[in-house]
Amino acid sequence: MNKVQLINAVSKETGLKKKDAEAAVSSVFNIIEESLSKGEKVQIVGFGTFKIKVKEERDGRNPKTGEKIRIAASKSPVFVPGKSLKESIK
């Protein structure tokens, strides 16, 4: 399912106009993105948690040359599904 299909499903499920459903879906995504960029986690009980995973700086190797390289620290968003979501897809 892509964003357009999600908007259509929300519109159908709630009875909202597509324009209003698009605004709601976009708002949810924007709020999650803003919260993560501030370093906050977003926990939706029964669904899951969006949070930032920090990877520390580490040593690595260039697979082509075998040369040692330093891999910079990085942050990436992750989603951890909640218990209810895990159980619903078994």
Protein backbone atom coordinates (compact mmCIF):
# COMPACT_ATOMS: atom_id res chain seq x y z
CA MET A 1 0.00 0.00 0.00
CA ASN A 2 1.35 3.42 -0.93
CA LYS A 3 0.40 6.85 0.42
CA VAL A 4 -2.38 7.43 -2.15
CA GLN A 5 -3.93 4.05 -1.38
CA LEU A 6 -3.69 4.81 2.35
CA ILE A 7 -5.44 8.15 1.84
CA ASN A 8 -8.21 6.44 -0.15
CA ALA A 9 -8.62 3.79 2.57
CA VAL A 10 -8.81 6.44 5.32
CA SER A 11 -11.35 8.39 3.28
CA LYS A 12 -13.50 5.32 2.77
CA GLU A 13 -13.19 4.11 6.39
CA THR A 14 -13.97 7.48 8.00
CA GLY A 15 -16.28 9.06 5.45
CA LEU A 16 -13.93 12.05 5.11
CA LYS A 17 -13.43 13.77 1.79
CA LYS A 18 -10.18 12.70 0.11
CA LYS A 19 -8.79 16.21 0.60
CA ASP A 20 -9.42 16.00 4.36
CA ALA A 21 -8.08 12.44 4.57
CA GLU A 22 -4.92 13.53 2.75
CA ALA A 23 -4.45 16.40 5.22
CA ALA A 24 -4.89 14.03 8.18
CA VAL A 25 -2.49 11.39 6.86
CA SER A 26 0.12 14.01 5.92
CA SER A 27 -0.21 15.61 9.37
CA VAL A 28 0.42 12.29 11.12
CA PHE A 29 3.54 11.66 9.02
CA ASN A 30 4.81 15.21 9.60
CA ILE A 31 4.30 14.98 13.37
CA ILE A 32 6.14 11.65 13.54
CA GLU A 33 9.00 13.08 11.45
CA GLU A 34 9.26 16.24 13.56
CA SER A 35 9.24 14.28 16.81
CA LEU A 36 11.98 11.94 15.60
CA SER A 37 14.10 14.87 14.40
CA LYS A 38 13.89 16.28 17.96
CA GLY A 39 15.12 12.95 19.34
CA GLU A 40 11.73 11.99 20.76
CA LYS A 41 10.15 8.58 20.31
CA VAL A 42 6.57 8.18 19.13
CA GLN A 43 4.76 5.36 20.88
CA ILE A 44 1.34 4.28 19.65
CA VAL A 45 -0.06 1.76 22.13
CA GLY A 46 -1.21 -1.41 20.41
CA PHE A 47 0.60 -0.51 17.19
CA GLY A 48 4.28 0.16 17.83
CA THR A 49 7.05 2.66 18.46
CA PHE A 50 8.99 4.90 16.10
CA LYS A 51 12.42 5.84 17.48
CA ILE A 52 15.94 6.81 16.48
CA LYS A 53 18.72 4.22 16.54
CA VAL A 54 22.22 5.60 17.02
CA LYS A 55 25.10 3.70 15.46
CA GLU A 56 28.45 4.54 17.00
CA GLU A 57 31.56 5.25 14.96
CA ARG A 58 33.35 2.01 14.14
CA ASP A 59 36.14 0.41 12.15
CA GLY A 60 35.39 -1.34 8.91
CA ARG A 61 37.08 -2.62 5.78
CA ASN A 62 36.74 -1.65 2.17
CA PRO A 63 35.54 -4.94 0.63
CA LYS A 64 37.25 -4.18 -2.67
CA THR A 65 40.73 -3.33 -1.37
CA GLY A 66 40.70 -4.74 2.16
CA GLU A 67 41.88 -1.34 3.44
CA LYS A 68 40.82 -0.34 6.96
CA ILE A 69 38.37 2.56 7.05
CA ARG A 70 36.56 4.50 9.76
CA ILE A 71 32.76 4.39 9.48
CA ALA A 72 31.18 7.57 10.86
CA ALA A 73 28.49 7.55 13.54
CA SER A 74 24.95 7.78 12.19
CA LYS A 75 21.32 7.94 13.23
CA SER A 76 18.42 6.20 11.53
CA PRO A 77 14.71 5.89 12.24
CA VAL A 78 13.40 2.47 13.24
CA PHE A 79 9.95 1.05 13.88
CA VAL A 80 9.41 -1.56 16.58
CA PRO A 81 6.01 -3.24 16.23
CA GLY A 82 3.86 -3.61 19.32
CA LYS A 83 2.66 -6.92 20.72
CA SER A 84 -0.87 -6.51 19.30
CA LEU A 85 0.44 -5.80 15.79
CA LYS A 86 2.80 -8.78 15.91
CA GLU A 87 -0.01 -11.08 17.02
CA SER A 88 -2.42 -9.82 14.37
CA ILE A 89 -0.13 -10.84 11.51
CA LYS A 90 0.71 -14.36 12.71
